[in-house]
Amino acid sequence: MEVAEDIDCENKSQQQKRTRRVGLLYDERMCKHSTPDGDPHPENPNRIKAIWNKLQSAAIPQRCVVLEAKEAEDKHILSVHTKKHVDLIRNISSKQFNSRRNRIASKFNSIYLNEGSSEAAYLAAGSAIEVAERVAKGELDSAMAIIRPPGHHAEQDEAMGFCLYNNVAIAASVLLNEKPELGINKILIVDWDVHHGNGTQKMFWKDPRVLFFSVHRHEFGSFYPANGDGFYTMIGEGPGAGYNINVPWENGRCGDADYFAVWDHILVPVAKEFNPDLIIVSAGFDAAAGDPLGGCRVTPYGYAVMLKKLMSFANGKIVLALEGGYNLESIASSTLSCVEVLLDDNPIHGSSEAYPFESTWRVIQAYIVTSSSDSEAEDNEDPKIISKHLEDVLQDVIEPFSKLKVDGSIQDHVASNSCTWRSELSKVDIWYASFGSNLCLERFLCYIKGGQMEGMKTPFPGCADKTPPKEIVWKTFPRRLFFGRESTHTWGPGGVAFLNPESNIRDKAYMCLYRITLEQFNDVLVQENVVSFPVNSPLFDLTGLDSVTREEPHSLQVHLKECWYSNVVYLGKEHDIPILTMTCTKSEMDGYKSGEFPLCAPAKNYVNTIARGLVEGKQLSQEAAMAYLQEASGLGPKVQYSLFQGVKKLASSISGVAN
């Protein structure tokens, strides 16, 4: 077995075929991080033990340079995390936190903490730095860090998803910002964990030196971490625009063929264009067949092929850092397969007879179309390494998708699990009655076709059926419009519109009615609430429609927890077609009245969008629209004047376009 200290002492240059120097790092001290009461948990010490035992049984350590784990320094961790977060993780395992450690952990999303958590977190981050720096220096050709806790979900100021520190982001930041002498100016981070690497994405969101690529189960934002961050329209911002690539699976059960298709048609061409100096793989193995959380079907052979394709770049300088993976056999076998690829230049033996899902080609095509349009939009901006030739590169890899073979033995998620209800509900028309920002047609089409408009902070995936509304009509209803809550993912700080679910003859709400299918209404309902639920079944089906139209109180709360628009309300009929809207429940309405839930003035962008809808819909003049929104929001005179000027300016611009 080689040891780290021997790296500079041996000279293999005279061998006919140079042995690849592969680093391997494992430290059992990282097993000290475990559930405080010994309760079962998928992210447990046996994960890395199983991997190490598998590698030892295959005599892998004897062929590698075995490295010692090192704890990260705070200054390195602070390059991506806040001081408050670092202080917490550094001290959380100390005795002073014994009585409140569990309570602190409960405030985070999917986190446990114990007396060994701090040490393990520092070792995991430090080990990622160690292997990355060794490869960057040329002391190693490549390396594998068998570390835990994982890191790619950890955000700047928050632990989440089993992750305390973002190990890969810390290592990349150290190389780019603190080790300029190593000549690592561009890093490709490939995250093949089954979950989206939300933390890593945010840390390099505006950084063109890092090309972040994530392929993950997304299911329109319903799969963990259950938000819109992993959608393909999330491409980065400012100098980093175009350097963030998401490939969001619409369904589970994706296997080797699906990943190979994405490698061949997206990752490999773009990596060639980016030409990285180093590649770091967030090597989660929870997309492996048999994983209890991932639900996908990647084999050890599949991981080997994906890694082999990446070795064509950066002169083979690749670092793998363990992320997720919760089936002990599959995580061990998949890691072994990858380390064998790092060690051996020989061709990989094996085959995959399966074909990609139809949804895989759909996602690839959607990404290509989005990237091409983004490239055109950036023509007048500063040149980007990626966007400069992206359209030409992508056009070279587009194939006639209709001719490509798809998995015929196991039907596509959308085509099988959901085709029955989607086919049924696509035949039924309803009027969706909007009252907030969806009064603006451009805004509503973000729910139908996908994307975002100016002022919105996040894009939407759109409906499965992206057909625009068949008709649009305007009506008023005896309901009260008001603004509640204090902030949203879509618009940021400020209240958003709600409609009192109960009618009052003294109230008057302007509503834009879009004639869409009941299938589309379900997809809008999902996006409006940004919920986590199995998308292979409808939230509001024909039984619900029949119930809400026939029985008092003509409203039905769909099965959603802690969501703001879970109450579907029937408002009557137009041309014998039912009119539906979605708002808060009656009990939540009582909460607004009592002060349990906050009433809050809306953000300027949000107000402008509603006003634009009212003006473009020829329902109100700018002055009347302002008065209507003032009454609904209860704004003071100073804020009223400011918003009035915004609406007045908006109306003038609309008038100018019309002329």
Foldseek 3Di string as FASTA:
>chain_A
DAEPVCLVVDDQVPPPDGFAAEEEEDDLLLQVWAAAVNDDDLQHSLQLVLQVVLCVVVVNVVSYHYYYFDFDDPVLLLLFAPPVLLVCLQPLLDPVNVVPSQVVQVVEAPEHGYNSRSVQLRRQLRRLLVQLVCLLQVSGLEYEYSGDDAALQAARYGDYDRHRGRNNLSNVCCCCPPPVVSVFQAEEEEEAAQADSLRSCVSCQQPLRYQYEYEHAQLQQQAPVQFQCQAQLSQGDHLRRNRYGHQYQNDAAWELQLVVLCCQQPVLLLCVLSQGLAYEYQDAQCLDPPRPRRRYHYQLLSLLVSLLSVCVGNVNHYYYRYHHTRDSVRSSSNVSSNSVSSRDPDDRDDDDPFHAALSSVVSSVVSLVSLLVVLVVCPVPPDRSRSNCVNVSNVVRDDPSVPGDHGPVDHDLCVPLAVVQLVVQQVAKAWEWDFFLVLFVVQVLQQACWAHDPQWQGIGNHAPHNDFFPDKDKDKFQWAKAWFDAADNTRGGWTTIFIQLDGDNVHITIIMITIGTPRSVQSSVCRQFSYHDPPSDGQAGPVNVVDLVPDPPSWDFTPGPPTFFRIWHWDQDDPNHTYIYTGHDNVVVVCPVVVVTGGTHGDLVRLLSSLVSCVVVVNDDLVVSLVSSCVRRVDDPVVSVVSSVVSVVSNVVVVVVVD
